[in-house]
Amino acid sequence: MALFILKRLGLMVLTMVAASFLVFAVMEFSPGDVASKTLGPYASDESKAILFKKLKLNDPLIVRYGRWIGVLTGIIADPLQDPELKLGFSDPRGDRYFGNFGYSTLFKSPVNDILWDRLGNTAMLAGIAFAIIVPVSILFGVLSGMREGSLLDRGLSLTGITLTSIPEFASAVFLMSVFVVTLGWLPGTSTLEVSEWSFASQLVLPVSVLVLYDFGYVARMVRGSMVEVMTRHYIRTAILKGLPYRTVIMRHALRNAMIAPFTVILLQINWLITGVVVTEVVFAYPGYGRMLLEAALFGDITLVEAATVFALFIAVTTQLIGDIGYMLLNPRIRFT
């Protein structure tokens, strides 16, 4: 088990290095040079030339990537905070520390301050939605899978397909038209600012949109796995031996039925943190996905690089957790 985790951690590091290099290369070769994108469109040519020389942008890509990693890990001081440049870029943590992603030209603040603040907001939204989606989906998926072809099973399939087919913006507009415009029970935006609406009321509609969109997909995955497990010989044998039906389901069927949906459930973490851009934009929610969209539209390459690398970290981490979960759910699985 320990050896397997070490191997996976090694692959995780290699994946992060390769993926971060691709992200860095794409940002570097996007339209415009790095100096111009760092200073903005209204900077003078003289300022751009000075920064171009300071950052040594004539060096090969691999060398510039190495310096970027050096700044990120705290080995090299951040050149943008050099007082001689007079850029006004400053970080209260200093110019050399682990996790230094640089300075955001969009928000006029260190990337870490923006990144962690927006990530915290999205984590709160995602955590509430995840805490609702997973147990409800498992419950209805297992119940319908136990009774294939029943009214509950058909109802779940129809409901799941319908909800998953409705785009997030459409369900958001529908819920706002009912609960905001018609009834006036909830606010139309979720800015998390102090107002007449409490923070809890501001989270109701965004969470509802995410739950409605994701519930059907996860529940159908659980239902399909449960149906397959219920046809296995060991389940029939356990029933014929006279074991209580509840015992058969809880001890024999449920654990095996959760092996396949386990990956699907973990993938929802990636989606809830990095893939809910539409929901955050519709409700003006100050989250991670909306931040990434705004940074991309503005051309803030530093913030885009940081957000993308962190999204990759979340993806590979959930993959590692998924592999470990496979081993715990089914000890017969062997990894090499």
Protein backbone atom coordinates (compact mmCIF):
# COMPACT_ATOMS: atom_id res chain seq x y z
CA MET A 1 0.00 0.00 0.00
CA ALA A 2 2.78 2.43 0.98
CA LEU A 3 4.78 1.55 -2.15
CA PHE A 4 1.73 2.09 -4.32
CA ILE A 5 1.10 5.53 -2.79
CA LEU A 6 4.75 6.50 -3.30
CA LYS A 7 4.57 5.48 -6.96
CA ARG A 8 1.39 7.46 -7.44
CA LEU A 9 2.89 10.49 -5.74
CA GLY A 10 5.86 10.29 -8.11
CA LEU A 11 3.56 10.12 -11.12
CA MET A 12 1.56 12.98 -9.64
CA VAL A 13 4.67 15.17 -9.47
CA LEU A 14 5.68 14.28 -13.04
CA THR A 15 2.18 15.02 -14.28
CA MET A 16 2.18 18.39 -12.54
CA VAL A 17 5.57 19.31 -14.02
CA ALA A 18 4.58 18.31 -17.55
CA ALA A 19 1.17 19.98 -17.35
CA SER A 20 2.54 23.17 -15.77
CA PHE A 21 5.15 23.42 -18.53
CA LEU A 22 2.41 23.20 -21.17
CA VAL A 23 0.37 25.85 -19.37
CA PHE A 24 3.43 28.10 -19.11
CA ALA A 25 4.26 27.61 -22.78
CA VAL A 26 0.71 28.41 -23.92
CA MET A 27 0.64 31.59 -21.83
CA GLU A 28 4.08 32.64 -23.04
CA PHE A 29 3.20 32.19 -26.71
CA SER A 30 -0.23 33.80 -26.52
CA PRO A 31 -0.58 37.05 -28.52
CA GLY A 32 1.70 39.79 -27.23
CA ASP A 33 4.95 39.53 -25.31
CA VAL A 34 5.03 38.89 -21.57
CA ALA A 35 6.26 42.38 -20.73
CA SER A 36 3.34 44.01 -22.52
CA LYS A 37 0.81 41.65 -20.93
CA THR A 38 2.31 42.24 -17.49
CA LEU A 39 2.29 46.04 -17.68
CA GLY A 40 -0.94 46.40 -19.60
CA PRO A 41 -1.81 48.03 -22.93
CA TYR A 42 -1.18 51.61 -21.76
CA ALA A 43 2.41 51.16 -20.60
CA SER A 44 5.15 53.04 -22.40
CA ASP A 45 7.53 51.32 -24.77
CA GLU A 46 10.43 52.27 -22.51
CA SER A 47 8.85 50.53 -19.51
CA LYS A 48 8.17 47.46 -21.61
CA ALA A 49 11.75 47.36 -22.84
CA ILE A 50 13.12 47.62 -19.29
CA LEU A 51 10.87 44.81 -18.06
CA PHE A 52 11.70 42.71 -21.13
CA LYS A 53 15.38 42.99 -20.27
CA LYS A 54 14.81 42.39 -16.54
CA LEU A 55 12.82 39.21 -17.16
CA LYS A 56 15.36 38.03 -19.76
CA LEU A 57 12.60 37.14 -22.20
CA ASN A 58 15.13 36.42 -24.93
CA ASP A 59 16.19 33.26 -23.09
CA PRO A 60 14.92 29.86 -24.30
CA LEU A 61 11.49 28.76 -23.09
CA ILE A 62 12.84 25.98 -20.88
CA VAL A 63 15.15 28.48 -19.10
CA ARG A 64 12.26 30.88 -18.47
CA TYR A 65 10.17 27.99 -17.19
CA GLY A 66 12.96 27.06 -14.80
CA ARG A 67 13.03 30.62 -13.44
CA TRP A 68 9.23 30.54 -13.06
CA ILE A 69 9.51 27.33 -11.03
CA GLY A 70 12.32 28.93 -9.04
CA VAL A 71 10.11 31.90 -8.11
CA LEU A 72 7.19 29.56 -7.37
CA THR A 73 9.25 27.42 -4.99
CA GLY A 74 10.96 30.39 -3.35
CA ILE A 75 14.44 29.59 -4.66
CA ILE A 76 14.60 32.75 -6.77
CA ALA A 77 13.38 36.19 -5.76
CA ASP A 78 10.43 37.54 -7.72
CA PRO A 79 11.94 39.92 -10.32
CA LEU A 80 8.70 41.91 -10.63
CA GLN A 81 9.11 43.14 -7.04
CA ASP A 82 12.48 44.70 -7.80
CA PRO A 83 12.26 48.35 -6.59
CA GLU A 84 14.31 49.47 -9.59
CA LEU A 85 11.41 48.62 -11.91
CA LYS A 86 9.06 50.94 -9.98
CA LEU A 87 6.07 48.78 -10.85
CA GLY A 88 4.47 49.06 -7.43
CA PHE A 89 4.26 45.25 -7.19
CA SER A 90 4.73 44.24 -3.57
CA ASP A 91 3.82 41.21 -1.50
CA PRO A 92 3.60 41.35 2.32
CA ARG A 93 5.17 37.87 2.38
CA GLY A 94 8.28 39.19 0.64
CA ASP A 95 9.78 38.49 -2.78
CA ARG A 96 10.91 34.94 -2.00
CA TYR A 97 8.64 32.28 -0.50
CA PHE A 98 7.18 28.91 -1.46
CA GLY A 99 4.00 29.25 -3.49
CA ASN A 100 4.74 32.69 -4.93
CA PHE A 101 2.53 32.91 -8.01
CA GLY A 102 3.32 36.54 -8.69
CA TYR A 103 1.21 39.67 -8.97
CA SER A 104 -2.22 40.04 -10.55
CA THR A 105 -2.50 42.99 -12.91
CA LEU A 106 -6.28 42.64 -12.98
CA PHE A 107 -6.88 42.88 -9.23
CA LYS A 108 -3.72 44.91 -8.43
CA SER A 109 -2.84 42.47 -5.69
CA PRO A 110 -0.63 39.39 -5.12
CA VAL A 111 -2.09 36.34 -6.82
CA ASN A 112 -2.14 34.35 -3.58
CA ASP A 113 -4.46 36.85 -1.90
CA ILE A 114 -6.94 36.66 -4.78
CA LEU A 115 -6.57 32.94 -5.41
CA TRP A 116 -7.17 31.74 -1.87
CA ASP A 117 -10.01 34.17 -1.25
CA ARG A 118 -11.91 33.08 -4.37
CA LEU A 119 -11.05 29.42 -3.77
CA GLY A 120 -12.49 29.67 -0.27
CA ASN A 121 -15.75 31.06 -1.63
CA THR A 122 -16.01 28.30 -4.24
CA ALA A 123 -15.05 25.64 -1.67
CA MET A 124 -17.95 26.77 0.51
CA LEU A 125 -20.38 26.61 -2.42
CA ALA A 126 -18.99 23.29 -3.64
CA GLY A 127 -18.93 21.77 -0.17
CA ILE A 128 -22.61 22.47 0.45
CA ALA A 129 -23.59 21.18 -2.99
CA PHE A 130 -21.40 18.08 -2.65
CA ALA A 131 -22.84 17.31 0.79
CA ILE A 132 -26.32 17.27 -0.76
CA ILE A 133 -25.56 15.63 -4.12
CA VAL A 134 -23.65 12.58 -2.86
CA PRO A 135 -25.98 11.17 -0.17
CA VAL A 136 -29.16 11.95 -2.10
CA SER A 137 -27.79 10.45 -5.32
CA ILE A 138 -26.56 7.32 -3.55
CA LEU A 139 -29.87 6.88 -1.75
CA PHE A 140 -32.06 7.17 -4.84
CA GLY A 141 -29.57 5.32 -7.03
CA VAL A 142 -29.43 2.34 -4.68
CA LEU A 143 -33.19 2.24 -4.13
CA SER A 144 -33.94 2.32 -7.86
CA GLY A 145 -31.16 -0.18 -8.64
CA MET A 146 -32.63 -2.63 -6.14
CA ARG A 147 -35.94 -2.55 -8.01
CA GLU A 148 -35.04 -2.37 -11.70
CA GLY A 149 -38.03 -1.48 -13.84
CA SER A 150 -40.10 -0.22 -10.92
CA LEU A 151 -41.93 3.09 -10.87
CA LEU A 152 -39.14 4.61 -8.78
CA ASP A 153 -36.52 3.35 -11.22
CA ARG A 154 -38.28 4.75 -14.25
CA GLY A 155 -39.01 8.00 -12.48
CA LEU A 156 -35.38 8.43 -11.50
CA SER A 157 -34.16 7.71 -15.03
CA LEU A 158 -36.59 10.22 -16.53
CA THR A 159 -35.84 12.86 -13.91
CA GLY A 160 -32.08 12.34 -14.15
CA ILE A 161 -31.96 12.61 -17.92
CA THR A 162 -34.20 15.69 -17.88
CA LEU A 163 -32.23 17.55 -15.21
CA THR A 164 -28.86 16.72 -16.73
CA SER A 165 -30.05 17.93 -20.14
CA ILE A 166 -31.00 21.38 -18.84
CA PRO A 167 -28.05 23.82 -19.00
CA GLU A 168 -27.06 25.55 -15.80
CA PHE A 169 -27.95 29.01 -17.08
CA ALA A 170 -31.44 27.82 -18.05
CA SER A 171 -32.22 26.34 -14.64
CA ALA A 172 -30.71 29.44 -13.00
CA VAL A 173 -32.96 31.77 -14.99
CA PHE A 174 -36.00 29.60 -14.24
CA LEU A 175 -35.32 29.52 -10.50
CA MET A 176 -34.72 33.28 -10.43
CA SER A 177 -37.95 33.96 -12.31
CA VAL A 178 -39.87 31.94 -9.71
CA PHE A 179 -38.15 32.69 -6.38
CA VAL A 180 -36.76 36.16 -7.11
CA VAL A 181 -39.10 37.87 -9.55
CA THR A 182 -42.43 36.20 -8.78
CA LEU A 183 -42.24 35.27 -5.10
CA GLY A 184 -39.47 37.59 -3.92
CA TRP A 185 -38.23 35.02 -1.41
CA LEU A 186 -34.55 35.01 -2.43
CA PRO A 187 -31.96 37.45 -3.79
CA GLY A 188 -31.06 37.36 -7.48
CA THR A 189 -27.33 37.69 -6.84
CA SER A 190 -24.90 35.98 -4.49
CA THR A 191 -22.14 38.52 -3.99
CA LEU A 192 -21.53 37.45 -0.36
CA GLU A 193 -21.66 41.10 0.65
CA VAL A 194 -23.47 42.41 3.70
CA SER A 195 -27.00 43.41 2.68
CA GLU A 196 -30.61 42.84 3.60
CA TRP A 197 -30.14 39.22 2.52
CA SER A 198 -28.22 36.80 4.71
CA PHE A 199 -25.29 34.77 3.37
CA ALA A 200 -27.38 31.59 3.68
CA SER A 201 -30.17 33.02 1.51
CA GLN A 202 -27.60 34.13 -1.09
CA LEU A 203 -26.32 30.55 -1.40
CA VAL A 204 -29.71 28.88 -1.88
CA LEU A 205 -30.11 29.46 -5.62
CA PRO A 206 -26.50 28.69 -6.71
CA VAL A 207 -26.48 25.51 -4.66
CA SER A 208 -29.88 24.50 -6.05
CA VAL A 209 -28.66 24.94 -9.63
CA LEU A 210 -25.61 22.75 -9.00
CA VAL A 211 -27.62 20.07 -7.20
CA LEU A 212 -30.30 19.92 -9.88
CA TYR A 213 -27.74 19.66 -12.66
CA ASP A 214 -25.51 17.05 -11.03
CA PHE A 215 -27.93 14.90 -9.05
CA GLY A 216 -29.39 13.05 -12.02
CA TYR A 217 -26.00 12.12 -13.48
CA VAL A 218 -24.53 10.74 -10.26
CA ALA A 219 -27.74 8.95 -9.28
CA ARG A 220 -27.96 7.22 -12.65
CA MET A 221 -24.34 6.05 -12.36
CA VAL A 222 -25.05 4.58 -8.93
CA ARG A 223 -28.27 3.03 -10.19
CA GLY A 224 -26.53 1.36 -13.16
CA SER A 225 -23.82 -0.13 -10.95
CA MET A 226 -26.39 -1.34 -8.41
CA VAL A 227 -28.45 -3.06 -11.11
CA GLU A 228 -25.36 -4.92 -12.33
CA VAL A 229 -24.36 -6.03 -8.82
CA MET A 230 -27.87 -7.27 -8.00
CA THR A 231 -27.62 -9.79 -10.85
CA ARG A 232 -24.39 -11.36 -9.53
CA HIS A 233 -24.44 -14.95 -8.33
CA TYR A 234 -23.18 -14.18 -4.83
CA ILE A 235 -26.15 -11.87 -4.25
CA ARG A 236 -28.61 -14.55 -5.35
CA THR A 237 -26.80 -17.11 -3.18
CA ALA A 238 -26.97 -14.86 -0.15
CA ILE A 239 -30.71 -14.34 -0.66
CA LEU A 240 -31.34 -18.09 -1.15
CA LYS A 241 -29.45 -18.82 2.06
CA GLY A 242 -32.05 -16.81 3.89
CA LEU A 243 -29.98 -13.78 4.83
CA PRO A 244 -32.10 -10.73 5.61
CA TYR A 245 -32.51 -8.57 2.53
CA ARG A 246 -31.16 -5.56 4.41
CA THR A 247 -27.99 -7.48 5.27
CA VAL A 248 -27.53 -8.60 1.67
CA ILE A 249 -27.79 -5.02 0.45
CA MET A 250 -25.65 -3.35 3.11
CA ARG A 251 -22.88 -5.97 3.46
CA HIS A 252 -22.63 -7.49 0.01
CA ALA A 253 -24.27 -5.36 -2.67
CA LEU A 254 -23.64 -1.75 -1.65
CA ARG A 255 -19.86 -1.95 -1.22
CA ASN A 256 -19.34 -3.61 -4.59
CA ALA A 257 -21.85 -1.32 -6.28
CA MET A 258 -19.94 1.76 -5.13
CA ILE A 259 -16.64 0.79 -6.81
CA ALA A 260 -17.55 2.14 -10.25
CA PRO A 261 -19.45 5.29 -9.10
CA PHE A 262 -16.61 6.17 -6.72
CA THR A 263 -14.61 7.74 -9.55
CA VAL A 264 -17.69 9.57 -10.82
CA ILE A 265 -18.30 11.02 -7.36
CA LEU A 266 -14.70 12.18 -7.03
CA LEU A 267 -14.86 13.83 -10.45
CA GLN A 268 -17.63 16.03 -9.10
CA ILE A 269 -15.05 17.69 -6.84
CA ASN A 270 -13.13 18.87 -9.91
CA TRP A 271 -16.30 20.09 -11.55
CA LEU A 272 -17.67 21.83 -8.47
CA ILE A 273 -14.45 23.77 -7.91
CA THR A 274 -13.24 24.57 -11.43
CA GLY A 275 -16.22 23.93 -13.70
CA VAL A 276 -19.05 26.03 -12.26
CA VAL A 277 -18.15 29.19 -14.16
CA VAL A 278 -21.66 29.62 -15.59
CA THR A 279 -23.34 29.42 -12.20
CA GLU A 280 -20.90 31.85 -10.61
CA VAL A 281 -21.25 34.34 -13.47
CA VAL A 282 -25.06 34.20 -13.53
CA PHE A 283 -25.33 34.86 -9.79
CA ALA A 284 -22.31 37.23 -9.64
CA TYR A 285 -20.73 34.86 -7.16
CA PRO A 286 -17.11 35.80 -6.29
CA GLY A 287 -15.73 32.33 -6.91
CA TYR A 288 -12.81 30.55 -8.48
CA GLY A 289 -14.37 29.87 -11.88
CA ARG A 290 -15.55 33.44 -12.34
CA MET A 291 -12.09 34.68 -11.34
CA LEU A 292 -10.46 32.46 -13.96
CA LEU A 293 -12.85 33.72 -16.66
CA GLU A 294 -12.24 37.37 -15.76
CA ALA A 295 -8.46 36.83 -15.72
CA ALA A 296 -8.54 35.15 -19.13
CA LEU A 297 -10.65 37.91 -20.68
CA PHE A 298 -8.43 40.62 -19.20
CA GLY A 299 -5.22 38.86 -20.20
CA ASP A 300 -3.86 38.45 -16.68
CA ILE A 301 -1.50 35.59 -17.55
CA THR A 302 -0.04 35.34 -14.05
CA LEU A 303 -3.41 34.67 -12.48
CA VAL A 304 -4.46 32.33 -15.30
CA GLU A 305 -1.28 30.27 -14.86
CA ALA A 306 -1.76 30.04 -11.10
CA ALA A 307 -5.43 29.09 -11.33
CA THR A 308 -4.80 26.50 -14.03
CA VAL A 309 -1.93 24.88 -12.13
CA PHE A 310 -4.04 24.67 -9.00
CA ALA A 311 -6.89 23.13 -10.99
CA LEU A 312 -4.43 20.50 -12.25
CA PHE A 313 -3.34 19.84 -8.69
CA ILE A 314 -6.94 19.22 -7.65
CA ALA A 315 -7.42 16.83 -10.60
CA VAL A 316 -4.36 14.69 -9.90
CA THR A 317 -5.07 14.67 -6.15
CA THR A 318 -8.62 13.40 -6.63
CA GLN A 319 -7.23 10.75 -9.00
CA LEU A 320 -4.84 9.58 -6.28
CA ILE A 321 -7.67 9.46 -3.75
CA GLY A 322 -9.74 7.49 -6.26
CA ASP A 323 -7.00 4.88 -6.72
CA ILE A 324 -6.64 4.46 -2.96
CA GLY A 325 -10.41 4.20 -2.64
CA TYR A 326 -10.46 1.35 -5.18
CA MET A 327 -8.06 -0.59 -3.02
CA LEU A 328 -10.11 -0.02 0.11
CA LEU A 329 -13.42 -0.90 -1.55
CA ASN A 330 -12.10 -3.99 -3.33
CA PRO A 331 -8.90 -5.54 -1.87
CA ARG A 332 -8.76 -7.97 -4.81
CA ILE A 333 -7.68 -5.12 -7.06
CA ARG A 334 -3.90 -5.10 -7.46
CA PHE A 335 -1.91 -2.25 -8.88
CA THR A 336 1.48 -2.55 -10.49
